[in-house]
Amino acid sequence: MITKWKLFNFKSINQGDPLEFGPLTIFAGANSSGKSTLLQSMLLISQTLSHRIRSRSVVLNGALTRLGQFDDLKSNGGAANQIVVEWECVPAGESPLMALDGPQPFGRRVVFYGRSTERIRRVSCELAFDCDPDSPQRELYQLQPQLFSCRVATTAVDEENVDVHSWIEVRRASLAGLDAGEKMRRLSVEDAPNEPVRQSLELDVSLDSESVSDIRVDYPTAEPVGCLVRHFLPDTVALRINVTEEEARAIVSTVCDDSPRGPRRRVGPDRDILIPEQALALLREVIGAELLRDLFPPQQQALLSEPGEVAGSTGVSLRDWSDRIRRLPPARRLEIRQRIREQAELADRLLGLIRGERSDRFEVIPYRPPTNVLDGVMYLDYFFSARVKYLGPLRDEPKALYPLAPGVDPTDVGLRGEYTAAVLDLNKGQRIRYIPTSAFRGAEVPAKAQVLVRTLEAAMLDWLQYLGVAENVQTKDRGKFGHELKVVLPGRTQAHDLTHVGVGVSQVLPILVMCLLAEPDTTLIFEQPELHLHPRVQTLLGDFFLSMSLLGKQCILETHSEYLINRLRFRAAASADDEVSKKIVMYFVEKPADTSVFRRVIVNEYGAIADWPEGFFDQSQNEAEEILKAATRKRQSQGGRLPRAERHN
């Protein structure tokens, strides 16, 4: 889940310190104070990493949000050219409530992209982008901002449960503006073998020392000089290597290695490395010409003659050497290995011969980042493209028939909840884990609330009845016309489509379906979930969001509902400990001038707010106080006479 978020130069937000997020994070405040701006920044990251065109660094206008162009997003009067978004994610561990048989929740044991998050403790990212003000393509970059820098830091645990910190940072190249050929010449390398390698030099890259050491296990001469990115996340590192030195080390590693698997060093899977004549002469001296000739067929044995005896000979293929060593009878192979082991200085002598025969030659090659770095990058990619869900404030109006579900994600209810009927019809038999409403019918929510495994339909009906908006829901596939959805209202027996019942049902259903289908370690973002709902329903909706947070699903709400917030305060006060209050993180947002200010509102274990901000849901109390004052003044002006109704009684 998201644990921290920070914005700089993003509309009205210029934060000095990151905002801390919890399992249930709430933003309240006046209109146009900056609440939605914060949510837009989260949707921006999600829609960017979900976009299919990986070359787009930042997608301002997409399926989740439309932000216009770069200057619309940049803070008014800001001196900085870059917009910065910074965040931290912690994969959700297994909740105590989820200790059931069956599939494990996402986080510690579930695989993403073929990788497990079991080792990841936290991942942070700092992204900076701009419209490259010095570029002649500035107008294009207004709509398609360019990556300025991105840093991804990962904290993982090793086999001994010790934290391991790694990071990778990419930044617009200091050689930007030069053509690829000139950059190559400055790096003293030959021309790039393909276009992706040339593109990688547009960004400089740096990694932590341990990651660089990991890379140099494969390529001892490696120097990271560039990087390819997927949107803004580092994907493939470009390494500058000394090919001559790498080939020399590969030859020595292969010839002197005792392992039956062959060489551990690598230069490139398609590179045909030759053992030069001078090195073969040394091997013939060490191993013996007779034994060495057993390795090769007659047509190649001429290469094992004295150096210079065969005109035009250049050496023996390293791959050929390895294959033939492996094919020897065990006794002969052991004899060769033994003779090589007896020569303690053979490796150094071979290296010296090869280095002396060949001049240094440099190339740029692609390389996947080390495991710890790659795990963190891939987790962020997966989380924001698949585990961030959003439901907007303006839900779809009631209809008799609803559109077909999108084919990409069968659990996507749509930004307005327009696919709720289709998603419910498709998934109503799916078994899910949920906390039943019986856990919330008393004042105190049990610390170990029971988790049931039921169908989506059964869980949804349980909560619909608890909220008091419907007794039953029926869905039916109507083919090319879409999906039909009917409900039975409390106290009724006949089902009606949503055009004949209150708007509240159509507002609540998308929330329930979206949340109940979500996996643990999903972040669910809602804008004004209370719209068109009766105060009682708003109140009980607080229990539903609390149940989601107890299941490891993060809920982020932008709300104007004091009923919902007061319900959460009540749950915190009624709880026997501080477990409920620890899950709630609340901010009051105000904009006294042109900059949004996020003020943390602490709800303690007694449900009290110690430092109540002015304007934070105090209007009702102020109005009640004014009513009492007005009534008192009226009584005094009437000489203490009772109101007419009271006199008649």
Foldseek 3Di string as FASTA:
>chain_A
DWAWKAKDQFFQAHDPGIDGAFLEEEEEADPPLCPVSRVLVLLFLLQLLQDPPQVQQTQCDDQRDHQQFDVSTGYPPDPDQKIKMKTKDAFDDFFPLQPDPDDGFAGQADADPNHHNVFWGMKMKMWIWGLPVVDPCSVVCRRRIDTAKMKMKTWTADPVRDTDIKMKMKGQAPPPPDQLVVVCVVVQADRAPDDVLSVFQRIAMDMDPVQVVVVCQQAVQWDFRGFDGRSRFTWKTKTKHFLLLLLLVQLLQQQQPPDLVGGPHDDDPPDFRFQFLVLLQVLCVQLPLVLVCQQDDPVCSVSSDHPPPDPPDGGHTSVSNSVSLSPDDPVSNVSSNVSSVVPPCSSVVSSVVSPVVDDTHIHIDIGGGDDRHVVSRSVSSCQSHPFEAEAEDAADFFDQFAAADDPPDLLHCGNRSRHLLNSCVVQQQPWFKFQACVLVPDLERDPNGHIDTGGLQVRLQRVCVVLQAFNHKDKDAPPRRHMGIWTHHPPGDDTDGPVPGARVVSLVSSVSSNLRPHTAVGEYEYEASCPRHDLSSLLCVLVVSLRSSSSRYRYYYHHPRPSSLLSLLSNLQSYPDRPSQVSYWYWYWRDPDSHIDTHTFRQGSNSDTPDDDPPNPCPVVVVVVVVVVVVVVVCVVVVNDDPPVVVVD
